[in-house]
C-alpha atoms as a PDB file:
ATOM      1  CA  MET A   1     168.266 150.110  66.908  1.00  0.00           C
ATOM      2  CA  GLY A   2     171.058 148.534  68.709  1.00  0.00           C
ATOM      3  CA  LEU A   3     171.143 146.224  71.805  1.00  0.00           C
ATOM      4  CA  PRO A   4     168.845 146.712  74.524  1.00  0.00           C
ATOM      5  CA  THR A   5     169.932 146.754  78.091  1.00  0.00           C
ATOM      6  CA  ILE A   6     169.552 143.133  79.216  1.00  0.00           C
ATOM      7  CA  PRO A   7     167.551 142.129  82.674  1.00  0.00           C
ATOM      8  CA  GLY A   8     168.746 139.658  84.784  1.00  0.00           C
ATOM      9  CA  TYR A   9     166.689 136.409  84.672  1.00  0.00           C
ATOM     10  CA  ARG A  10     167.135 132.478  84.908  1.00  0.00           C
ATOM     11  CA  LEU A  11     166.351 129.723  83.044  1.00  0.00           C
ATOM     12  CA  PRO A  12     164.441 127.277  84.804  1.00  0.00           C
ATOM     13  CA  ASP A  13     166.520 124.567  87.230  1.00  0.00           C
ATOM     14  CA  GLY A  14     165.396 121.043  86.329  1.00  0.00           C
ATOM     15  CA  GLN A  15     165.977 118.818  83.321  1.00  0.00           C
ATOM     16  CA  LEU A  16     165.048 119.087  79.965  1.00  0.00           C
ATOM     17  CA  PRO A  17     162.916 117.033  77.770  1.00  0.00           C
ATOM     18  CA  GLU A  18     164.197 113.860  76.038  1.00  0.00           C
ATOM     19  CA  PRO A  19     165.799 115.348  72.864  1.00  0.00           C
ATOM     20  CA  ARG A  20     163.847 113.970  69.884  1.00  0.00           C
ATOM     21  CA  VAL A  21     167.309 112.540  68.377  1.00  0.00           C
ATOM     22  CA  THR A  22     169.607 109.639  69.801  1.00  0.00           C
ATOM     23  CA  TRP A  23     172.624 111.429  69.203  1.00  0.00           C
ATOM     24  CA  LYS A  24     175.566 111.897  72.128  1.00  0.00           C
ATOM     25  CA  ALA A  25     177.910 114.415  72.114  1.00  0.00           C
ATOM     26  CA  ASP A  26     181.412 112.560  70.964  1.00  0.00           C
ATOM     27  CA  ALA A  27     184.371 113.832  72.007  1.00  0.00           C
ATOM     28  CA  GLN A  28     185.906 112.217  68.554  1.00  0.00           C
ATOM     29  CA  ARG A  29     183.859 114.235  66.575  1.00  0.00           C
ATOM     30  CA  ALA A  30     182.450 117.515  68.178  1.00  0.00           C
ATOM     31  CA  VAL A  31     183.845 120.711  68.069  1.00  0.00           C
ATOM     32  CA  LEU A  32     182.742 123.352  71.136  1.00  0.00           C
ATOM     33  CA  LEU A  33     181.395 126.472  69.800  1.00  0.00           C
ATOM     34  CA  ILE A  34     182.115 129.450  72.092  1.00  0.00           C
ATOM     35  CA  HIS A  35     179.285 132.168  69.729  1.00  0.00           C
ATOM     36  CA  ASP A  36     180.129 136.008  70.118  1.00  0.00           C
ATOM     37  CA  MET A  37     181.167 135.821  73.948  1.00  0.00           C
ATOM     38  CA  GLN A  38     182.507 139.511  73.143  1.00  0.00           C
ATOM     39  CA  ARG A  39     182.462 142.826  75.994  1.00  0.00           C
ATOM     40  CA  TYR A  40     180.085 144.415  73.773  1.00  0.00           C
ATOM     41  CA  PHE A  41     177.714 141.641  74.450  1.00  0.00           C
ATOM     42  CA  ILE A  42     177.996 140.266  77.547  1.00  0.00           C
ATOM     43  CA  GLU A  43     178.424 143.451  79.467  1.00  0.00           C
ATOM     44  CA  ALA A  44     174.837 144.502  78.484  1.00  0.00           C
ATOM     45  CA  PHE A  45     173.747 141.578  80.532  1.00  0.00           C
ATOM     46  CA  ASP A  46     172.674 142.695  84.341  1.00  0.00           C
ATOM     47  CA  HIS A  47     175.464 140.733  86.689  1.00  0.00           C
ATOM     48  CA  GLU A  48     174.293 141.442  89.652  1.00  0.00           C
ATOM     49  CA  ASP A  49     172.503 138.314  90.831  1.00  0.00           C
ATOM     50  CA  PRO A  50     174.834 135.660  91.029  1.00  0.00           C
ATOM     51  CA  ARG A  51     172.150 133.254  89.389  1.00  0.00           C
ATOM     52  CA  SER A  52     171.438 135.499  86.374  1.00  0.00           C
ATOM     53  CA  GLN A  53     171.886 133.236  83.288  1.00  0.00           C
ATOM     54  CA  ILE A  54     174.519 135.275  81.962  1.00  0.00           C
ATOM     55  CA  ARG A  55     176.777 134.330  85.225  1.00  0.00           C
ATOM     56  CA  VAL A  56     175.311 130.772  84.527  1.00  0.00           C
ATOM     57  CA  THR A  57     176.320 130.723  81.236  1.00  0.00           C
ATOM     58  CA  LEU A  58     179.750 131.738  81.959  1.00  0.00           C
ATOM     59  CA  LYS A  59     180.547 129.274  84.469  1.00  0.00           C
ATOM     60  CA  ASN A  60     179.044 126.620  82.295  1.00  0.00           C
ATOM     61  CA  ILE A  61     180.996 127.495  79.212  1.00  0.00           C
ATOM     62  CA  ARG A  62     184.272 128.010  81.200  1.00  0.00           C
ATOM     63  CA  ALA A  63     183.353 123.898  82.409  1.00  0.00           C
ATOM     64  CA  LEU A  64     182.496 122.886  78.731  1.00  0.00           C
ATOM     65  CA  ARG A  65     186.127 124.196  77.180  1.00  0.00           C
ATOM     66  CA  ASP A  66     187.955 122.575  80.359  1.00  0.00           C
ATOM     67  CA  ALA A  67     186.551 119.260  79.431  1.00  0.00           C
ATOM     68  CA  ALA A  68     186.857 120.074  75.610  1.00  0.00           C
ATOM     69  CA  ASP A  69     190.955 120.617  76.512  1.00  0.00           C
ATOM     70  CA  ASP A  70     190.896 117.345  78.598  1.00  0.00           C
ATOM     71  CA  ALA A  71     189.139 115.601  75.600  1.00  0.00           C
ATOM     72  CA  GLY A  72     191.062 116.958  72.813  1.00  0.00           C
ATOM     73  CA  VAL A  73     188.214 118.752  71.435  1.00  0.00           C
ATOM     74  CA  PRO A  74     188.553 121.955  69.206  1.00  0.00           C
ATOM     75  CA  VAL A  75     187.261 125.119  71.027  1.00  0.00           C
ATOM     76  CA  VAL A  76     185.998 127.770  68.160  1.00  0.00           C
ATOM     77  CA  TYR A  77     185.174 131.318  69.123  1.00  0.00           C
ATOM     78  CA  THR A  78     183.334 133.372  66.949  1.00  0.00           C
ATOM     79  CA  ALA A  79     183.782 137.371  67.221  1.00  0.00           C
ATOM     80  CA  GLN A  80     182.311 140.132  65.255  1.00  0.00           C
ATOM     81  CA  PRO A  81     184.736 142.654  63.611  1.00  0.00           C
ATOM     82  CA  PRO A  82     184.584 146.564  65.300  1.00  0.00           C
ATOM     83  CA  ASN A  83     184.058 149.020  62.935  1.00  0.00           C
ATOM     84  CA  GLN A  84     182.598 147.386  59.842  1.00  0.00           C
ATOM     85  CA  LYS A  85     182.107 149.238  56.605  1.00  0.00           C
ATOM     86  CA  PRO A  86     178.765 149.615  55.499  1.00  0.00           C
ATOM     87  CA  ALA A  87     179.038 147.226  52.584  1.00  0.00           C
ATOM     88  CA  ASP A  88     180.214 144.794  55.092  1.00  0.00           C
ATOM     89  CA  ARG A  89     177.472 145.196  57.618  1.00  0.00           C
ATOM     90  CA  ALA A  90     174.630 145.319  55.184  1.00  0.00           C
ATOM     91  CA  LEU A  91     171.410 144.607  56.257  1.00  0.00           C
ATOM     92  CA  LEU A  92     172.282 143.515  60.404  1.00  0.00           C
ATOM     93  CA  THR A  93     172.565 147.847  60.422  1.00  0.00           C
ATOM     94  CA  ASP A  94     168.713 147.945  59.740  1.00  0.00           C
ATOM     95  CA  PHE A  95     168.459 145.981  62.889  1.00  0.00           C
ATOM     96  CA  TRP A  96     171.310 146.314  65.504  1.00  0.00           C
ATOM     97  CA  GLY A  97     173.116 150.002  64.184  1.00  0.00           C
ATOM     98  CA  THR A  98     176.403 150.165  63.034  1.00  0.00           C
ATOM     99  CA  GLY A  99     177.740 147.620  65.790  1.00  0.00           C
ATOM    100  CA  LEU A 100     181.094 147.421  67.612  1.00  0.00           C
ATOM    101  CA  THR A 101     184.026 150.101  67.679  1.00  0.00           C
ATOM    102  CA  ASN A 102     187.433 149.360  68.548  1.00  0.00           C
ATOM    103  CA  ASP A 103     186.644 150.957  72.364  1.00  0.00           C
ATOM    104  CA  GLY A 104     187.986 147.659  73.893  1.00  0.00           C
ATOM    105  CA  ARG A 105     184.726 145.843  73.850  1.00  0.00           C
ATOM    106  CA  GLU A 106     185.312 143.982  70.858  1.00  0.00           C
ATOM    107  CA  GLU A 107     187.046 141.534  72.802  1.00  0.00           C
ATOM    108  CA  ILE A 108     186.224 138.037  74.081  1.00  0.00           C
ATOM    109  CA  THR A 109     185.202 137.987  77.849  1.00  0.00           C
ATOM    110  CA  GLN A 110     188.206 137.754  80.200  1.00  0.00           C
ATOM    111  CA  GLU A 111     186.950 134.861  81.322  1.00  0.00           C
ATOM    112  CA  LEU A 112     186.795 132.833  78.353  1.00  0.00           C
ATOM    113  CA  ALA A 113     189.642 134.443  76.334  1.00  0.00           C
ATOM    114  CA  PRO A 114     191.139 132.323  73.887  1.00  0.00           C
ATOM    115  CA  ARG A 115     194.305 130.381  73.708  1.00  0.00           C
ATOM    116  CA  THR A 116     196.839 129.362  71.184  1.00  0.00           C
ATOM    117  CA  GLY A 117     195.405 126.636  69.365  1.00  0.00           C
ATOM    118  CA  ASP A 118     192.056 127.701  69.468  1.00  0.00           C
ATOM    119  CA  LEU A 119     190.317 128.923  66.263  1.00  0.00           C
ATOM    120  CA  VAL A 120     188.703 132.500  66.461  1.00  0.00           C
ATOM    121  CA  LEU A 121     186.708 133.114  63.320  1.00  0.00           C
ATOM    122  CA  THR A 122     185.350 136.814  62.255  1.00  0.00           C
ATOM    123  CA  LYS A 123     181.436 136.832  62.372  1.00  0.00           C
ATOM    124  CA  TRP A 124     179.559 138.761  59.819  1.00  0.00           C
ATOM    125  CA  ARG A 125     175.955 137.070  59.927  1.00  0.00           C
ATOM    126  CA  TYR A 126     173.674 135.377  62.653  1.00  0.00           C
ATOM    127  CA  SER A 127     174.928 132.082  61.580  1.00  0.00           C
ATOM    128  CA  ALA A 128     178.542 131.140  62.586  1.00  0.00           C
ATOM    129  CA  PHE A 129     178.878 129.413  58.917  1.00  0.00           C
ATOM    130  CA  ALA A 130     177.912 132.495  57.258  1.00  0.00           C
ATOM    131  CA  LYS A 131     180.845 133.835  54.947  1.00  0.00           C
ATOM    132  CA  THR A 132     183.544 131.971  57.125  1.00  0.00           C
ATOM    133  CA  GLU A 133     185.637 128.836  56.864  1.00  0.00           C
ATOM    134  CA  LEU A 134     183.724 126.890  59.457  1.00  0.00           C
ATOM    135  CA  GLN A 135     182.220 123.923  57.550  1.00  0.00           C
ATOM    136  CA  GLU A 136     185.626 123.252  55.693  1.00  0.00           C
ATOM    137  CA  TRP A 137     187.642 123.461  58.593  1.00  0.00           C
ATOM    138  CA  MET A 138     185.512 121.006  60.476  1.00  0.00           C
ATOM    139  CA  ARG A 139     185.104 118.738  57.214  1.00  0.00           C
ATOM    140  CA  GLN A 140     189.249 118.780  57.246  1.00  0.00           C
ATOM    141  CA  ALA A 141     189.195 118.137  60.994  1.00  0.00           C
ATOM    142  CA  GLY A 142     186.796 114.794  60.489  1.00  0.00           C
ATOM    143  CA  ARG A 143     183.998 116.671  62.868  1.00  0.00           C
ATOM    144  CA  ASP A 144     180.318 116.908  62.249  1.00  0.00           C
ATOM    145  CA  GLN A 145     178.728 117.776  65.774  1.00  0.00           C
ATOM    146  CA  LEU A 146     178.632 121.251  66.523  1.00  0.00           C
ATOM    147  CA  LEU A 147     178.523 121.792  70.598  1.00  0.00           C
ATOM    148  CA  ILE A 148     176.873 125.583  70.765  1.00  0.00           C
ATOM    149  CA  THR A 149     177.574 127.797  73.449  1.00  0.00           C
ATOM    150  CA  GLY A 150     177.067 131.477  74.033  1.00  0.00           C
ATOM    151  CA  VAL A 151     174.586 134.534  72.997  1.00  0.00           C
ATOM    152  CA  TYR A 152     172.100 135.095  71.772  1.00  0.00           C
ATOM    153  CA  ALA A 153     170.020 132.009  72.100  1.00  0.00           C
ATOM    154  CA  HIS A 154     167.321 132.784  69.716  1.00  0.00           C
ATOM    155  CA  ILE A 155     169.497 135.028  67.143  1.00  0.00           C
ATOM    156  CA  GLY A 156     172.856 133.402  66.412  1.00  0.00           C
ATOM    157  CA  CYS A 157     172.888 130.321  68.744  1.00  0.00           C
ATOM    158  CA  LEU A 158     169.787 129.314  66.861  1.00  0.00           C
ATOM    159  CA  THR A 159     170.705 130.413  63.340  1.00  0.00           C
ATOM    160  CA  THR A 160     173.477 128.228  63.512  1.00  0.00           C
ATOM    161  CA  ALA A 161     172.119 125.537  64.966  1.00  0.00           C
ATOM    162  CA  LEU A 162     169.762 125.690  62.011  1.00  0.00           C
ATOM    163  CA  ASP A 163     172.408 126.061  59.379  1.00  0.00           C
ATOM    164  CA  ALA A 164     174.495 123.471  60.818  1.00  0.00           C
ATOM    165  CA  PHE A 165     171.344 120.480  60.620  1.00  0.00           C
ATOM    166  CA  MET A 166     171.130 121.797  56.797  1.00  0.00           C
ATOM    167  CA  ARG A 167     175.101 121.296  56.328  1.00  0.00           C
ATOM    168  CA  ASP A 168     174.489 117.808  58.038  1.00  0.00           C
ATOM    169  CA  ILE A 169     176.352 118.713  60.937  1.00  0.00           C
ATOM    170  CA  GLN A 170     174.627 117.245  64.068  1.00  0.00           C
ATOM    171  CA  PRO A 171     173.773 120.471  66.540  1.00  0.00           C
ATOM    172  CA  PHE A 172     174.212 120.198  70.085  1.00  0.00           C
ATOM    173  CA  PHE A 173     172.240 123.377  71.877  1.00  0.00           C
ATOM    174  CA  ILE A 174     173.763 123.933  74.944  1.00  0.00           C
ATOM    175  CA  ALA A 175     170.797 125.736  76.991  1.00  0.00           C
ATOM    176  CA  ASP A 176     172.010 126.158  80.276  1.00  0.00           C
ATOM    177  CA  ALA A 177     175.528 127.097  78.260  1.00  0.00           C
ATOM    178  CA  GLN A 178     173.505 130.267  76.358  1.00  0.00           C
ATOM    179  CA  ALA A 179     172.155 133.621  77.635  1.00  0.00           C
ATOM    180  CA  ASP A 180     169.337 135.846  75.980  1.00  0.00           C
ATOM    181  CA  PHE A 181     167.718 138.635  75.556  1.00  0.00           C
ATOM    182  CA  SER A 182     165.189 137.246  78.253  1.00  0.00           C
ATOM    183  CA  LEU A 183     163.778 134.194  79.488  1.00  0.00           C
ATOM    184  CA  GLU A 184     160.891 134.141  76.826  1.00  0.00           C
ATOM    185  CA  GLU A 185     163.022 134.100  74.261  1.00  0.00           C
ATOM    186  CA  HIS A 186     165.863 131.996  75.432  1.00  0.00           C
ATOM    187  CA  GLN A 187     162.869 129.706  75.717  1.00  0.00           C
ATOM    188  CA  MET A 188     161.408 130.207  72.490  1.00  0.00           C
ATOM    189  CA  ALA A 189     165.063 129.200  70.778  1.00  0.00           C
ATOM    190  CA  ILE A 190     165.340 126.160  72.997  1.00  0.00           C
ATOM    191  CA  ASN A 191     161.885 124.981  71.834  1.00  0.00           C
ATOM    192  CA  TYR A 192     162.511 125.618  68.158  1.00  0.00           C
ATOM    193  CA  GLY A 193     165.625 123.437  68.186  1.00  0.00           C
ATOM    194  CA  TYR A 194     163.903 121.243  69.927  1.00  0.00           C
ATOM    195  CA  GLY A 195     161.357 120.384  67.340  1.00  0.00           C
ATOM    196  CA  ARG A 196     163.335 121.069  64.230  1.00  0.00           C
ATOM    197  CA  CYS A 197     167.204 120.828  64.259  1.00  0.00           C
ATOM    198  CA  ALA A 198     168.958 119.973  67.179  1.00  0.00           C
ATOM    199  CA  SER A 199     169.756 117.816  70.450  1.00  0.00           C
ATOM    200  CA  VAL A 200     168.840 120.177  73.185  1.00  0.00           C
ATOM    201  CA  VAL A 201     170.453 119.335  76.633  1.00  0.00           C
ATOM    202  CA  ASN A 202     172.001 120.958  79.445  1.00  0.00           C
ATOM    203  CA  SER A 203     176.104 120.995  80.180  1.00  0.00           C
ATOM    204  CA  ALA A 204     175.974 118.629  82.592  1.00  0.00           C
ATOM    205  CA  THR A 205     174.806 115.730  79.811  1.00  0.00           C
ATOM    206  CA  VAL A 206     177.051 116.754  76.945  1.00  0.00           C
ATOM    207  CA  LEU A 207     180.213 116.659  79.996  1.00  0.00           C
ATOM    208  CA  LYS A 208     178.855 112.787  80.591  1.00  0.00           C
ATOM    209  CA  GLN A 209     178.243 112.307  76.709  1.00  0.00           C
ATOM    210  CA  MET A 210     181.863 113.089  75.708  1.00  0.00           C
ATOM    211  CA  GLN A 211     183.564 111.571  78.524  1.00  0.00           C
ATOM    212  CA  ALA A 212     181.753 108.185  78.370  1.00  0.00           C
ATOM    213  CA  ALA A 213     182.725 108.244  74.389  1.00  0.00           C
ATOM    214  CA  LEU A 214     186.024 109.149  75.600  1.00  0.00           C
ATOM    215  CA  VAL A 215     186.511 106.403  78.371  1.00  0.00           C
ATOM    216  CA  ALA A 216     184.717 103.851  75.365  1.00  0.00           C
ATOM    217  CA  THR A 217     187.702 104.518  73.050  1.00  0.00           C
ATOM    218  CA  ARG A 218     190.658 103.873  75.526  1.00  0.00           C
END
């Protein structure tokens, strides 16, 4: 019960297989999701190795957020609330304990702190869509692509991708802008997303596609 201590690991360098779908990230259609990057989760990782996946993830999310700002892509955060009531936390308690408290670690890590104009959603379940206004907000904004970054790849990130797919929102599972409990679980999430519900890409590909789409509209 509760979070494990997460040893350092790194996704292998190199290209991912070509996505099964022909979707391209489009600055006019996309929303960047920064999923659960709260200190409570981030501080569970071993940060000592500068090449560890969590360090790579932080760097890549920052690059994607900067590009999103330049391209006018909205940025949405999820953050689990501290001191949840048992009725609100429900079955999550059985797997993960009582969760966050208001000890400061409920804050989104300073390296990625939300800015004025960013949307911060209170996160209640694995999927960013569960019990939130994300789908309706995207619909009103005319957005139907979700660029998924954050932690943990095989839990919230993957569940959000699958949920987006079932809502006819194109999920982009940005593998090198996510981190997980282990390389094996991260790879499992990549494989499942690739085969079932998402365009599995790296951050460089998304940056290039968004820039190309933006240039084409000018």
